[in-house]
Amino acid sequence: MGGATFTRLQANAYSEIGLAPGWALVANLTAARLVYEDGSYRATSLALSNPEIAVQADVTGVPFVSRLFCMAQLTVKLPYNGGGDPLVGFRQMDVEGKLRALGWLEVAHHNGYWVLDLAYRLRDGAPSDELKLETTAGLDLTTRLMALAQIFTTLGTGNGSPIPNGNNPSIDPEYSAVQSQFGVVYMMRPGRRVQLQWNRELWGRNSGDGNTIGVVMWLDF
């Protein structure tokens, strides 16, 4: 008998709205279809998952902080359980603080940029907190095409305890992982871009294994 498999198909509606000079409001809504199968049992579910609300602030004028970082973000992931089996979402509230540094680069006369995000995710209740480090590098290949390379590192702090997750291992609170992601962004016209990306786990603890393919549409208003 083969091992169990878990598949997640996810759609996100991400919006970033300027509030005032140096301030922005971010909303991220998620719907997920989950499939769990172990050879003798198959379960599927489709529901909305935990929505996220965030506030971004320019910190270039803040003493000391501005020497390394240019942006701060505070994100609240709301406790919403869409139900189903596998279970979609969780009842705990998450609060994540993030600092961002960025800069420009040039490779063989091609312009690009780099971004470094450092974050701490505080999870209410039983789940372990998480320390996150995310790096991104983008390079213009042509006037319309950009290549992206990213590394996502999540380290569980081990200060939590197991929570019921049904047949959904993706909400297990005790994990660490390092993931790579590569993609291209194509500008169809000003304000309209499409991104194709592939994600692969490089290392993990209690995190599963697999590949993720994503398609992202960016719209500027």
N, C-alpha and C. Protein backbone atom coordinates (compact mmCIF):
# COMPACT_ATOMS: atom_id res chain seq x y z
N MET A 1 0.85 -1.19 0.00
CA MET A 1 0.00 0.00 0.00
C MET A 1 0.88 1.24 0.00
N GLY A 2 0.60 2.22 -0.86
CA GLY A 2 1.40 3.42 -0.94
C GLY A 2 1.10 4.36 0.22
N GLY A 3 1.95 5.37 0.36
CA GLY A 3 1.76 6.36 1.41
C GLY A 3 0.64 7.33 1.07
N ALA A 4 0.28 8.12 2.06
CA ALA A 4 -0.78 9.10 1.87
C ALA A 4 -0.28 10.30 1.06
N THR A 5 -1.17 10.91 0.30
CA THR A 5 -0.85 12.11 -0.46
C THR A 5 -1.82 13.22 -0.08
N PHE A 6 -1.31 14.45 -0.14
CA PHE A 6 -2.13 15.62 0.17
C PHE A 6 -1.90 16.66 -0.91
N THR A 7 -2.99 17.15 -1.50
CA THR A 7 -2.90 18.14 -2.58
C THR A 7 -3.70 19.37 -2.20
N ARG A 8 -3.10 20.54 -2.43
CA ARG A 8 -3.77 21.80 -2.12
C ARG A 8 -3.80 22.68 -3.38
N LEU A 9 -5.00 23.06 -3.81
CA LEU A 9 -5.18 24.00 -4.91
C LEU A 9 -5.75 25.28 -4.31
N GLN A 10 -5.02 26.39 -4.48
CA GLN A 10 -5.36 27.61 -3.75
C GLN A 10 -5.48 28.80 -4.69
N ALA A 11 -6.45 29.66 -4.44
CA ALA A 11 -6.63 30.90 -5.18
C ALA A 11 -6.63 32.06 -4.19
N ASN A 12 -5.85 33.09 -4.49
CA ASN A 12 -5.74 34.25 -3.61
C ASN A 12 -6.18 35.52 -4.36
N ALA A 13 -6.88 36.38 -3.63
CA ALA A 13 -7.20 37.72 -4.12
C ALA A 13 -6.45 38.70 -3.23
N TYR A 14 -5.34 39.24 -3.75
CA TYR A 14 -4.45 40.11 -2.98
C TYR A 14 -4.61 41.54 -3.45
N SER A 15 -4.83 42.45 -2.50
CA SER A 15 -5.00 43.87 -2.85
C SER A 15 -4.13 44.72 -1.95
N GLU A 16 -3.53 45.75 -2.54
CA GLU A 16 -2.71 46.70 -1.80
C GLU A 16 -3.19 48.10 -2.14
N ILE A 17 -3.65 48.85 -1.14
CA ILE A 17 -4.29 50.14 -1.35
C ILE A 17 -3.53 51.22 -0.58
N GLY A 18 -3.12 52.27 -1.28
CA GLY A 18 -2.45 53.38 -0.62
C GLY A 18 -3.43 54.18 0.23
N LEU A 19 -3.07 54.43 1.48
CA LEU A 19 -3.92 55.19 2.39
C LEU A 19 -3.50 56.65 2.47
N ALA A 20 -2.18 56.85 2.56
CA ALA A 20 -1.58 58.17 2.67
C ALA A 20 -0.13 58.00 2.28
N PRO A 21 0.59 59.10 2.04
CA PRO A 21 2.01 58.95 1.71
C PRO A 21 2.76 58.11 2.74
N GLY A 22 3.33 57.00 2.28
CA GLY A 22 4.09 56.13 3.17
C GLY A 22 3.28 55.07 3.89
N TRP A 23 1.96 55.01 3.62
CA TRP A 23 1.10 54.03 4.30
C TRP A 23 0.26 53.28 3.28
N ALA A 24 0.03 51.99 3.54
CA ALA A 24 -0.80 51.17 2.64
C ALA A 24 -1.55 50.12 3.44
N LEU A 25 -2.72 49.76 2.95
CA LEU A 25 -3.54 48.70 3.52
C LEU A 25 -3.50 47.50 2.59
N VAL A 26 -3.28 46.31 3.15
CA VAL A 26 -3.18 45.08 2.37
C VAL A 26 -4.27 44.10 2.82
N ALA A 27 -4.95 43.50 1.86
CA ALA A 27 -5.95 42.47 2.15
C ALA A 27 -5.65 41.25 1.28
N ASN A 28 -5.71 40.07 1.88
CA ASN A 28 -5.43 38.83 1.15
C ASN A 28 -6.51 37.81 1.51
N LEU A 29 -7.35 37.48 0.54
CA LEU A 29 -8.42 36.51 0.74
C LEU A 29 -8.05 35.21 0.03
N THR A 30 -8.33 34.09 0.68
CA THR A 30 -7.88 32.79 0.18
C THR A 30 -9.03 31.80 0.12
N ALA A 31 -9.12 31.08 -0.99
CA ALA A 31 -10.02 29.93 -1.12
C ALA A 31 -9.15 28.73 -1.48
N ALA A 32 -9.44 27.59 -0.88
CA ALA A 32 -8.60 26.41 -1.09
C ALA A 32 -9.45 25.16 -1.33
N ARG A 33 -8.96 24.31 -2.24
CA ARG A 33 -9.51 22.98 -2.44
C ARG A 33 -8.46 21.97 -2.01
N LEU A 34 -8.81 21.11 -1.07
CA LEU A 34 -7.87 20.16 -0.49
C LEU A 34 -8.29 18.74 -0.83
N VAL A 35 -7.30 17.89 -1.09
CA VAL A 35 -7.56 16.48 -1.38
C VAL A 35 -6.58 15.64 -0.56
N TYR A 36 -7.13 14.71 0.22
CA TYR A 36 -6.33 13.76 0.99
C TYR A 36 -6.66 12.35 0.51
N GLU A 37 -5.63 11.54 0.24
CA GLU A 37 -5.85 10.19 -0.25
C GLU A 37 -4.76 9.27 0.28
N ASP A 38 -5.16 8.12 0.80
CA ASP A 38 -4.17 7.17 1.35
C ASP A 38 -4.30 5.76 0.76
N GLY A 39 -4.99 5.63 -0.37
CA GLY A 39 -5.13 4.32 -1.01
C GLY A 39 -6.45 3.66 -0.70
N SER A 40 -6.91 3.76 0.54
CA SER A 40 -8.20 3.18 0.91
C SER A 40 -9.22 4.25 1.26
N TYR A 41 -8.78 5.51 1.29
CA TYR A 41 -9.67 6.58 1.73
C TYR A 41 -9.34 7.85 0.94
N ARG A 42 -10.36 8.55 0.51
CA ARG A 42 -10.18 9.81 -0.22
C ARG A 42 -11.17 10.83 0.31
N ALA A 43 -10.68 12.03 0.59
CA ALA A 43 -11.53 13.10 1.09
C ALA A 43 -11.17 14.40 0.39
N THR A 44 -12.18 15.20 0.07
CA THR A 44 -11.96 16.49 -0.57
C THR A 44 -12.77 17.56 0.15
N SER A 45 -12.30 18.79 0.07
CA SER A 45 -13.02 19.91 0.66
C SER A 45 -12.72 21.17 -0.13
N LEU A 46 -13.63 22.12 -0.09
CA LEU A 46 -13.48 23.41 -0.77
C LEU A 46 -14.12 24.47 0.10
N ALA A 47 -13.33 25.48 0.49
CA ALA A 47 -13.85 26.50 1.39
C ALA A 47 -12.92 27.70 1.42
N LEU A 48 -13.42 28.80 1.99
CA LEU A 48 -12.58 29.95 2.26
C LEU A 48 -11.67 29.65 3.45
N SER A 49 -10.46 30.19 3.40
CA SER A 49 -9.50 29.99 4.48
C SER A 49 -9.29 31.30 5.21
N ASN A 50 -8.30 31.32 6.11
CA ASN A 50 -8.07 32.47 6.98
C ASN A 50 -7.71 33.73 6.19
N PRO A 51 -8.54 34.78 6.23
CA PRO A 51 -8.19 36.03 5.54
C PRO A 51 -7.11 36.79 6.30
N GLU A 52 -6.34 37.58 5.56
CA GLU A 52 -5.27 38.37 6.15
C GLU A 52 -5.50 39.86 5.90
N ILE A 53 -5.26 40.68 6.93
CA ILE A 53 -5.32 42.12 6.83
C ILE A 53 -4.00 42.67 7.35
N ALA A 54 -3.39 43.60 6.60
CA ALA A 54 -2.08 44.11 7.00
C ALA A 54 -2.02 45.62 6.77
N VAL A 55 -1.13 46.26 7.53
CA VAL A 55 -0.81 47.68 7.34
C VAL A 55 0.69 47.80 7.09
N GLN A 56 1.06 48.51 6.01
CA GLN A 56 2.46 48.75 5.68
C GLN A 56 2.80 50.21 5.96
N ALA A 57 4.03 50.43 6.42
CA ALA A 57 4.47 51.79 6.72
C ALA A 57 5.90 51.99 6.24
N ASP A 58 6.17 53.16 5.68
CA ASP A 58 7.52 53.55 5.29
C ASP A 58 8.29 53.93 6.55
N VAL A 59 9.46 53.31 6.75
CA VAL A 59 10.24 53.58 7.95
C VAL A 59 11.60 54.21 7.61
N THR A 60 11.69 54.80 6.40
CA THR A 60 12.97 55.40 6.00
C THR A 60 13.34 56.60 6.86
N GLY A 61 12.37 57.16 7.58
CA GLY A 61 12.67 58.29 8.45
C GLY A 61 12.83 57.93 9.91
N VAL A 62 12.77 56.64 10.23
CA VAL A 62 12.88 56.20 11.62
C VAL A 62 14.35 56.02 11.98
N PRO A 63 14.83 56.68 13.03
CA PRO A 63 16.24 56.53 13.41
C PRO A 63 16.62 55.08 13.66
N PHE A 64 17.85 54.72 13.31
CA PHE A 64 18.43 53.40 13.50
C PHE A 64 17.79 52.34 12.58
N VAL A 65 16.46 52.21 12.62
CA VAL A 65 15.78 51.21 11.78
C VAL A 65 16.05 51.49 10.31
N SER A 66 16.05 52.76 9.92
CA SER A 66 16.20 53.12 8.51
C SER A 66 17.59 52.82 7.96
N ARG A 67 18.54 52.52 8.82
CA ARG A 67 19.88 52.18 8.34
C ARG A 67 19.88 50.83 7.61
N LEU A 68 18.95 49.96 7.96
CA LEU A 68 18.87 48.63 7.34
C LEU A 68 17.57 48.39 6.58
N PHE A 69 16.47 48.96 7.08
CA PHE A 69 15.15 48.62 6.56
C PHE A 69 14.43 49.86 6.03
N CYS A 70 13.53 49.63 5.08
CA CYS A 70 12.77 50.73 4.49
C CYS A 70 11.27 50.61 4.71
N MET A 71 10.80 49.42 5.09
CA MET A 71 9.37 49.20 5.24
C MET A 71 9.08 48.27 6.41
N ALA A 72 7.99 48.55 7.12
CA ALA A 72 7.52 47.67 8.19
C ALA A 72 6.08 47.28 7.88
N GLN A 73 5.72 46.04 8.26
CA GLN A 73 4.37 45.56 8.01
C GLN A 73 3.87 44.77 9.20
N LEU A 74 2.63 44.99 9.56
CA LEU A 74 1.97 44.23 10.62
C LEU A 74 0.76 43.54 10.01
N THR A 75 0.75 42.20 10.08
CA THR A 75 -0.29 41.39 9.45
C THR A 75 -1.07 40.62 10.52
N VAL A 76 -2.38 40.61 10.38
CA VAL A 76 -3.25 39.81 11.25
C VAL A 76 -3.96 38.78 10.38
N LYS A 77 -3.75 37.51 10.68
CA LYS A 77 -4.49 36.43 10.00
C LYS A 77 -5.66 36.06 10.90
N LEU A 78 -6.86 36.28 10.41
CA LEU A 78 -8.06 36.14 11.23
C LEU A 78 -8.41 34.68 11.47
N PRO A 79 -8.95 34.37 12.65
CA PRO A 79 -9.31 32.98 12.98
C PRO A 79 -10.60 32.57 12.31
N TYR A 80 -10.47 31.91 11.16
CA TYR A 80 -11.64 31.46 10.42
C TYR A 80 -11.41 30.04 9.94
N ASN A 81 -12.36 29.18 10.27
CA ASN A 81 -12.27 27.77 9.88
C ASN A 81 -13.37 27.48 8.88
N GLY A 82 -12.96 27.19 7.63
CA GLY A 82 -13.96 26.90 6.61
C GLY A 82 -14.57 25.52 6.71
N GLY A 83 -14.06 24.70 7.65
CA GLY A 83 -14.62 23.38 7.86
C GLY A 83 -14.16 22.40 6.81
N GLY A 84 -14.91 21.31 6.69
CA GLY A 84 -14.60 20.28 5.71
C GLY A 84 -13.60 19.27 6.22
N ASP A 85 -13.38 18.25 5.44
CA ASP A 85 -12.39 17.22 5.73
C ASP A 85 -11.75 16.82 4.41
N PRO A 86 -10.49 17.25 4.18
CA PRO A 86 -9.53 17.87 5.08
C PRO A 86 -9.99 19.26 5.56
N LEU A 87 -9.57 19.59 6.76
CA LEU A 87 -9.95 20.84 7.39
C LEU A 87 -9.32 22.02 6.65
N VAL A 88 -10.13 23.04 6.34
CA VAL A 88 -9.65 24.24 5.67
C VAL A 88 -9.58 25.37 6.70
N GLY A 89 -8.37 25.89 6.95
CA GLY A 89 -8.20 26.98 7.90
C GLY A 89 -8.13 26.51 9.33
N PHE A 90 -7.89 27.46 10.23
CA PHE A 90 -7.77 27.15 11.66
C PHE A 90 -8.36 28.29 12.48
N ARG A 91 -8.63 28.00 13.75
CA ARG A 91 -9.33 28.93 14.63
C ARG A 91 -8.39 29.89 15.36
N GLN A 92 -7.08 29.68 15.27
CA GLN A 92 -6.15 30.55 15.97
C GLN A 92 -5.92 31.85 15.19
N MET A 93 -5.65 32.93 15.91
CA MET A 93 -5.29 34.19 15.27
C MET A 93 -3.78 34.33 15.22
N ASP A 94 -3.25 34.73 14.05
CA ASP A 94 -1.83 34.96 13.89
C ASP A 94 -1.56 36.46 13.75
N VAL A 95 -0.46 36.91 14.35
CA VAL A 95 0.00 38.29 14.18
C VAL A 95 1.46 38.23 13.75
N GLU A 96 1.76 38.85 12.61
CA GLU A 96 3.12 38.79 12.06
C GLU A 96 3.68 40.18 11.85
N GLY A 97 4.86 40.41 12.41
CA GLY A 97 5.58 41.66 12.19
C GLY A 97 6.72 41.44 11.22
N LYS A 98 6.89 42.35 10.26
CA LYS A 98 7.89 42.17 9.21
C LYS A 98 8.65 43.47 8.97
N LEU A 99 9.96 43.33 8.72
CA LEU A 99 10.80 44.45 8.30
C LEU A 99 11.39 44.09 6.94
N ARG A 100 11.47 45.08 6.05
CA ARG A 100 11.94 44.83 4.68
C ARG A 100 13.11 45.75 4.33
N ALA A 101 14.13 45.16 3.70
CA ALA A 101 15.22 45.91 3.10
C ALA A 101 15.23 45.61 1.61
N LEU A 102 15.62 46.58 0.80
CA LEU A 102 15.69 46.35 -0.65
C LEU A 102 16.76 47.22 -1.27
N GLY A 103 17.16 46.82 -2.47
CA GLY A 103 18.19 47.57 -3.19
C GLY A 103 18.17 47.20 -4.65
N TRP A 104 19.07 47.83 -5.41
CA TRP A 104 19.14 47.63 -6.85
C TRP A 104 20.42 46.89 -7.21
N LEU A 105 20.41 46.20 -8.33
CA LEU A 105 21.59 45.48 -8.79
C LEU A 105 21.66 45.53 -10.31
N GLU A 106 22.86 45.23 -10.84
CA GLU A 106 23.07 45.18 -12.28
C GLU A 106 23.95 43.99 -12.61
N VAL A 107 23.51 43.17 -13.56
CA VAL A 107 24.24 41.99 -13.99
C VAL A 107 24.33 42.01 -15.51
N ALA A 108 25.55 42.08 -16.04
CA ALA A 108 25.77 42.07 -17.50
C ALA A 108 24.86 43.08 -18.21
N HIS A 109 24.84 44.29 -17.67
CA HIS A 109 24.06 45.40 -18.24
C HIS A 109 22.55 45.20 -18.15
N HIS A 110 22.11 44.26 -17.32
CA HIS A 110 20.68 44.07 -17.05
C HIS A 110 20.38 44.58 -15.65
N ASN A 111 19.34 45.39 -15.52
CA ASN A 111 18.98 45.95 -14.23
C ASN A 111 18.09 44.99 -13.46
N GLY A 112 18.19 45.06 -12.13
CA GLY A 112 17.38 44.21 -11.27
C GLY A 112 17.27 44.79 -9.87
N TYR A 113 16.75 44.00 -8.98
CA TYR A 113 16.57 44.42 -7.59
C TYR A 113 16.68 43.22 -6.67
N TRP A 114 16.84 43.50 -5.38
CA TRP A 114 16.81 42.45 -4.36
C TRP A 114 15.96 42.92 -3.19
N VAL A 115 15.34 41.96 -2.52
CA VAL A 115 14.50 42.25 -1.36
C VAL A 115 14.83 41.24 -0.26
N LEU A 116 14.94 41.72 0.97
CA LEU A 116 15.16 40.87 2.13
C LEU A 116 14.08 41.16 3.16
N ASP A 117 13.31 40.13 3.53
CA ASP A 117 12.24 40.26 4.53
C ASP A 117 12.60 39.44 5.76
N LEU A 118 12.49 40.07 6.92
CA LEU A 118 12.70 39.39 8.20
C LEU A 118 11.42 39.53 9.01
N ALA A 119 10.84 38.39 9.45
CA ALA A 119 9.54 38.44 10.11
C ALA A 119 9.47 37.47 11.27
N TYR A 120 8.55 37.79 12.20
CA TYR A 120 8.24 36.89 13.31
C TYR A 120 6.73 36.71 13.34
N ARG A 121 6.27 35.46 13.31
CA ARG A 121 4.85 35.13 13.29
C ARG A 121 4.46 34.63 14.67
N LEU A 122 3.65 35.41 15.37
CA LEU A 122 3.15 35.06 16.70
C LEU A 122 1.80 34.37 16.55
N ARG A 123 1.73 33.11 16.96
CA ARG A 123 0.51 32.32 16.77
C ARG A 123 -0.20 32.14 18.11
N ASP A 124 -1.45 32.51 18.13
CA ASP A 124 -2.25 32.43 19.34
C ASP A 124 -2.54 30.97 19.68
N GLY A 125 -2.65 30.66 20.97
CA GLY A 125 -3.01 29.31 21.39
C GLY A 125 -1.87 28.33 21.25
N ALA A 126 -2.20 27.11 20.81
CA ALA A 126 -1.24 26.01 20.83
C ALA A 126 -0.13 26.09 19.79
N PRO A 127 -0.39 26.58 18.55
CA PRO A 127 0.65 26.49 17.52
C PRO A 127 1.94 27.20 17.88
N SER A 128 3.06 26.65 17.41
CA SER A 128 4.36 27.27 17.64
C SER A 128 4.50 28.57 16.85
N ASP A 129 5.23 29.52 17.44
CA ASP A 129 5.59 30.72 16.70
C ASP A 129 6.60 30.37 15.62
N GLU A 130 6.82 31.32 14.69
CA GLU A 130 7.73 31.06 13.57
C GLU A 130 8.61 32.27 13.31
N LEU A 131 9.86 32.01 12.99
CA LEU A 131 10.79 33.02 12.53
C LEU A 131 10.98 32.83 11.03
N LYS A 132 10.86 33.92 10.26
CA LYS A 132 10.90 33.81 8.80
C LYS A 132 11.97 34.72 8.21
N LEU A 133 12.63 34.20 7.18
CA LEU A 133 13.60 34.97 6.40
C LEU A 133 13.32 34.69 4.93
N GLU A 134 13.01 35.72 4.16
CA GLU A 134 12.67 35.56 2.76
C GLU A 134 13.54 36.48 1.92
N THR A 135 14.13 35.93 0.85
CA THR A 135 14.98 36.71 -0.04
C THR A 135 14.45 36.59 -1.47
N THR A 136 14.49 37.70 -2.20
CA THR A 136 14.03 37.75 -3.58
C THR A 136 15.03 38.53 -4.42
N ALA A 137 15.30 38.02 -5.62
CA ALA A 137 16.12 38.74 -6.59
C ALA A 137 15.42 38.71 -7.93
N GLY A 138 15.27 39.87 -8.55
CA GLY A 138 14.64 39.97 -9.86
C GLY A 138 15.58 40.65 -10.85
N LEU A 139 15.58 40.17 -12.09
CA LEU A 139 16.47 40.70 -13.11
C LEU A 139 15.72 40.85 -14.42
N ASP A 140 15.78 42.05 -15.00
CA ASP A 140 15.13 42.29 -16.28
C ASP A 140 15.90 41.58 -17.40
N LEU A 141 15.23 40.68 -18.11
CA LEU A 141 15.84 40.01 -19.26
C LEU A 141 15.63 40.82 -20.53
N THR A 142 14.42 41.38 -20.66
CA THR A 142 14.09 42.29 -21.75
C THR A 142 13.25 43.41 -21.15
N THR A 143 12.74 44.28 -21.99
CA THR A 143 11.91 45.37 -21.48
C THR A 143 10.58 44.86 -20.93
N ARG A 144 10.19 43.65 -21.30
CA ARG A 144 8.91 43.10 -20.85
C ARG A 144 9.04 41.88 -19.94
N LEU A 145 10.20 41.24 -19.94
CA LEU A 145 10.34 39.96 -19.24
C LEU A 145 11.35 40.08 -18.11
N MET A 146 10.95 39.59 -16.91
CA MET A 146 11.82 39.59 -15.74
C MET A 146 11.91 38.18 -15.18
N ALA A 147 13.11 37.79 -14.73
CA ALA A 147 13.33 36.51 -14.07
C ALA A 147 13.38 36.75 -12.56
N LEU A 148 12.79 35.82 -11.79
CA LEU A 148 12.75 35.91 -10.34
C LEU A 148 13.34 34.67 -9.70
N ALA A 149 14.11 34.85 -8.62
CA ALA A 149 14.61 33.74 -7.81
C ALA A 149 14.37 34.09 -6.34
N GLN A 150 13.80 33.14 -5.59
CA GLN A 150 13.42 33.42 -4.20
C GLN A 150 13.76 32.24 -3.31
N ILE A 151 14.09 32.55 -2.06
CA ILE A 151 14.31 31.54 -1.02
C ILE A 151 13.44 31.92 0.18
N PHE A 152 12.61 30.97 0.64
CA PHE A 152 11.75 31.17 1.81
C PHE A 152 12.20 30.24 2.93
N THR A 153 12.53 30.81 4.06
CA THR A 153 12.97 30.02 5.21
C THR A 153 12.02 30.25 6.38
N THR A 154 11.46 29.17 6.91
CA THR A 154 10.58 29.23 8.08
C THR A 154 11.14 28.30 9.15
N LEU A 155 11.38 28.85 10.33
CA LEU A 155 11.90 28.07 11.44
C LEU A 155 10.90 28.10 12.59
N GLY A 156 10.33 26.94 12.92
CA GLY A 156 9.44 26.85 14.06
C GLY A 156 10.22 26.99 15.36
N THR A 157 9.66 27.73 16.29
CA THR A 157 10.37 27.98 17.55
C THR A 157 10.20 26.84 18.55
N GLY A 158 9.29 25.89 18.28
CA GLY A 158 9.12 24.75 19.16
C GLY A 158 8.45 25.06 20.48
N ASN A 159 7.76 26.19 20.57
CA ASN A 159 7.11 26.57 21.83
C ASN A 159 5.62 26.24 21.84
N GLY A 160 5.18 25.36 20.92
CA GLY A 160 3.76 25.03 20.84
C GLY A 160 3.48 23.58 21.09
N SER A 161 2.27 23.19 20.80
CA SER A 161 1.83 21.81 20.96
C SER A 161 0.88 21.47 19.82
N PRO A 162 0.70 20.19 19.51
CA PRO A 162 -0.14 19.81 18.37
C PRO A 162 -1.57 20.32 18.50
N ILE A 163 -2.16 20.64 17.34
CA ILE A 163 -3.56 21.04 17.28
C ILE A 163 -4.28 20.11 16.32
N PRO A 164 -5.58 19.90 16.49
CA PRO A 164 -6.31 19.04 15.56
C PRO A 164 -6.28 19.63 14.15
N ASN A 165 -5.90 18.82 13.16
CA ASN A 165 -5.85 19.32 11.80
C ASN A 165 -6.57 18.41 10.81
N GLY A 166 -7.32 17.43 11.32
CA GLY A 166 -8.03 16.53 10.42
C GLY A 166 -7.06 15.84 9.50
N ASN A 167 -7.32 15.87 8.21
CA ASN A 167 -6.43 15.28 7.22
C ASN A 167 -5.63 16.35 6.47
N ASN A 168 -5.44 17.51 7.10
CA ASN A 168 -4.73 18.62 6.46
C ASN A 168 -3.40 18.85 7.17
N PRO A 169 -2.30 18.25 6.70
CA PRO A 169 -1.02 18.44 7.36
C PRO A 169 -0.45 19.83 7.17
N SER A 170 -1.01 20.63 6.27
CA SER A 170 -0.44 21.95 6.00
C SER A 170 -0.69 22.94 7.12
N ILE A 171 -1.52 22.63 8.11
CA ILE A 171 -1.71 23.53 9.24
C ILE A 171 -1.07 22.98 10.50
N ASP A 172 -0.22 21.97 10.37
CA ASP A 172 0.50 21.45 11.52
C ASP A 172 1.42 22.54 12.06
N PRO A 173 1.38 22.82 13.37
CA PRO A 173 2.15 23.96 13.90
C PRO A 173 3.62 23.67 14.14
N GLU A 174 4.05 22.43 14.08
CA GLU A 174 5.42 22.09 14.43
C GLU A 174 6.22 21.73 13.18
N TYR A 175 6.72 22.74 12.47
CA TYR A 175 7.49 22.45 11.26
C TYR A 175 8.51 23.55 11.01
N SER A 176 9.52 23.19 10.22
CA SER A 176 10.49 24.14 9.69
C SER A 176 10.73 23.75 8.23
N ALA A 177 11.07 24.73 7.39
CA ALA A 177 11.26 24.42 5.98
C ALA A 177 12.08 25.51 5.29
N VAL A 178 12.80 25.09 4.26
CA VAL A 178 13.48 26.01 3.35
C VAL A 178 13.00 25.67 1.95
N GLN A 179 12.45 26.67 1.26
CA GLN A 179 11.88 26.45 -0.06
C GLN A 179 12.52 27.40 -1.08
N SER A 180 12.71 26.90 -2.29
CA SER A 180 13.18 27.74 -3.39
C SER A 180 12.02 27.99 -4.34
N GLN A 181 12.05 29.13 -4.99
CA GLN A 181 11.01 29.46 -5.95
C GLN A 181 11.63 30.23 -7.12
N PHE A 182 11.30 29.80 -8.33
CA PHE A 182 11.81 30.44 -9.54
C PHE A 182 10.63 30.78 -10.44
N GLY A 183 10.74 31.90 -11.13
CA GLY A 183 9.63 32.29 -11.99
C GLY A 183 10.02 33.37 -12.98
N VAL A 184 9.07 33.71 -13.82
CA VAL A 184 9.22 34.80 -14.77
C VAL A 184 7.98 35.68 -14.70
N VAL A 185 8.18 36.97 -14.91
CA VAL A 185 7.08 37.93 -14.93
C VAL A 185 7.08 38.60 -16.30
N TYR A 186 5.94 38.54 -16.98
CA TYR A 186 5.81 39.13 -18.31
C TYR A 186 4.83 40.30 -18.27
N MET A 187 5.27 41.47 -18.75
CA MET A 187 4.40 42.63 -18.79
C MET A 187 3.63 42.63 -20.11
N MET A 188 2.34 42.37 -20.03
CA MET A 188 1.51 42.36 -21.23
C MET A 188 1.30 43.77 -21.76
N ARG A 189 1.09 44.72 -20.84
CA ARG A 189 1.01 46.14 -21.14
C ARG A 189 1.16 46.87 -19.82
N PRO A 190 1.40 48.17 -19.83
CA PRO A 190 1.58 48.89 -18.56
C PRO A 190 0.43 48.63 -17.59
N GLY A 191 0.78 48.20 -16.38
CA GLY A 191 -0.23 47.92 -15.36
C GLY A 191 -0.80 46.54 -15.41
N ARG A 192 -0.37 45.68 -16.36
CA ARG A 192 -0.86 44.32 -16.47
C ARG A 192 0.32 43.37 -16.63
N ARG A 193 0.53 42.52 -15.63
CA ARG A 193 1.64 41.57 -15.66
C ARG A 193 1.15 40.19 -15.26
N VAL A 194 1.75 39.16 -15.83
CA VAL A 194 1.44 37.79 -15.46
C VAL A 194 2.73 37.12 -14.99
N GLN A 195 2.64 36.36 -13.90
CA GLN A 195 3.80 35.69 -13.30
C GLN A 195 3.57 34.19 -13.28
N LEU A 196 4.55 33.43 -13.76
CA LEU A 196 4.55 31.97 -13.70
C LEU A 196 5.66 31.56 -12.74
N GLN A 197 5.36 30.66 -11.79
CA GLN A 197 6.35 30.32 -10.78
C GLN A 197 6.30 28.84 -10.42
N TRP A 198 7.46 28.35 -9.98
CA TRP A 198 7.61 26.96 -9.54
C TRP A 198 8.32 26.95 -8.20
N ASN A 199 7.75 26.24 -7.24
CA ASN A 199 8.26 26.20 -5.87
C ASN A 199 8.64 24.77 -5.52
N ARG A 200 9.82 24.62 -4.88
CA ARG A 200 10.31 23.31 -4.48
C ARG A 200 10.94 23.39 -3.10
N GLU A 201 10.58 22.45 -2.23
CA GLU A 201 11.18 22.41 -0.89
C GLU A 201 12.59 21.85 -0.97
N LEU A 202 13.53 22.57 -0.34
CA LEU A 202 14.92 22.13 -0.29
C LEU A 202 15.23 21.33 0.97
N TRP A 203 14.59 21.73 2.06
CA TRP A 203 14.78 21.03 3.34
C TRP A 203 13.55 21.27 4.19
N GLY A 204 13.19 20.28 4.99
CA GLY A 204 12.05 20.47 5.86
C GLY A 204 12.05 19.52 7.04
N ARG A 205 11.38 19.93 8.09
CA ARG A 205 11.16 19.09 9.26
C ARG A 205 9.65 19.04 9.51
N ASN A 206 9.08 17.84 9.36
CA ASN A 206 7.64 17.67 9.55
C ASN A 206 6.85 18.58 8.60
N SER A 207 7.32 18.67 7.35
CA SER A 207 6.71 19.63 6.43
C SER A 207 6.23 19.00 5.13
N GLY A 208 6.43 17.70 4.95
CA GLY A 208 6.00 17.09 3.71
C GLY A 208 6.99 17.37 2.59
N ASP A 209 6.62 16.97 1.37
CA ASP A 209 7.51 17.14 0.23
C ASP A 209 6.66 17.28 -1.01
N GLY A 210 7.14 18.07 -1.97
CA GLY A 210 6.37 18.22 -3.20
C GLY A 210 6.73 19.49 -3.93
N ASN A 211 6.06 19.69 -5.05
CA ASN A 211 6.27 20.86 -5.89
C ASN A 211 4.99 21.70 -5.93
N THR A 212 5.16 22.99 -6.16
CA THR A 212 4.02 23.89 -6.29
C THR A 212 4.20 24.73 -7.54
N ILE A 213 3.18 24.78 -8.37
CA ILE A 213 3.17 25.61 -9.57
C ILE A 213 2.13 26.70 -9.39
N GLY A 214 2.50 27.93 -9.71
CA GLY A 214 1.58 29.03 -9.50
C GLY A 214 1.49 29.96 -10.69
N VAL A 215 0.33 30.60 -10.86
CA VAL A 215 0.10 31.62 -11.87
C VAL A 215 -0.46 32.85 -11.16
N VAL A 216 0.17 33.99 -11.33
CA VAL A 216 -0.22 35.22 -10.64
C VAL A 216 -0.48 36.31 -11.67
N MET A 217 -1.60 37.01 -11.52
CA MET A 217 -1.91 38.15 -12.38
C MET A 217 -1.83 39.42 -11.53
N TRP A 218 -1.00 40.37 -11.96
CA TRP A 218 -0.82 41.65 -11.25
C TRP A 218 -1.51 42.75 -12.03
N LEU A 219 -2.38 43.49 -11.35
CA LEU A 219 -3.12 44.59 -11.97
C LEU A 219 -2.85 45.87 -11.17
N ASP A 220 -2.39 46.92 -11.85
CA ASP A 220 -2.16 48.21 -11.22
C ASP A 220 -3.29 49.16 -11.57
N PHE A 221 -3.77 49.89 -10.57
CA PHE A 221 -4.86 50.84 -10.80
C PHE A 221 -4.42 52.25 -10.42
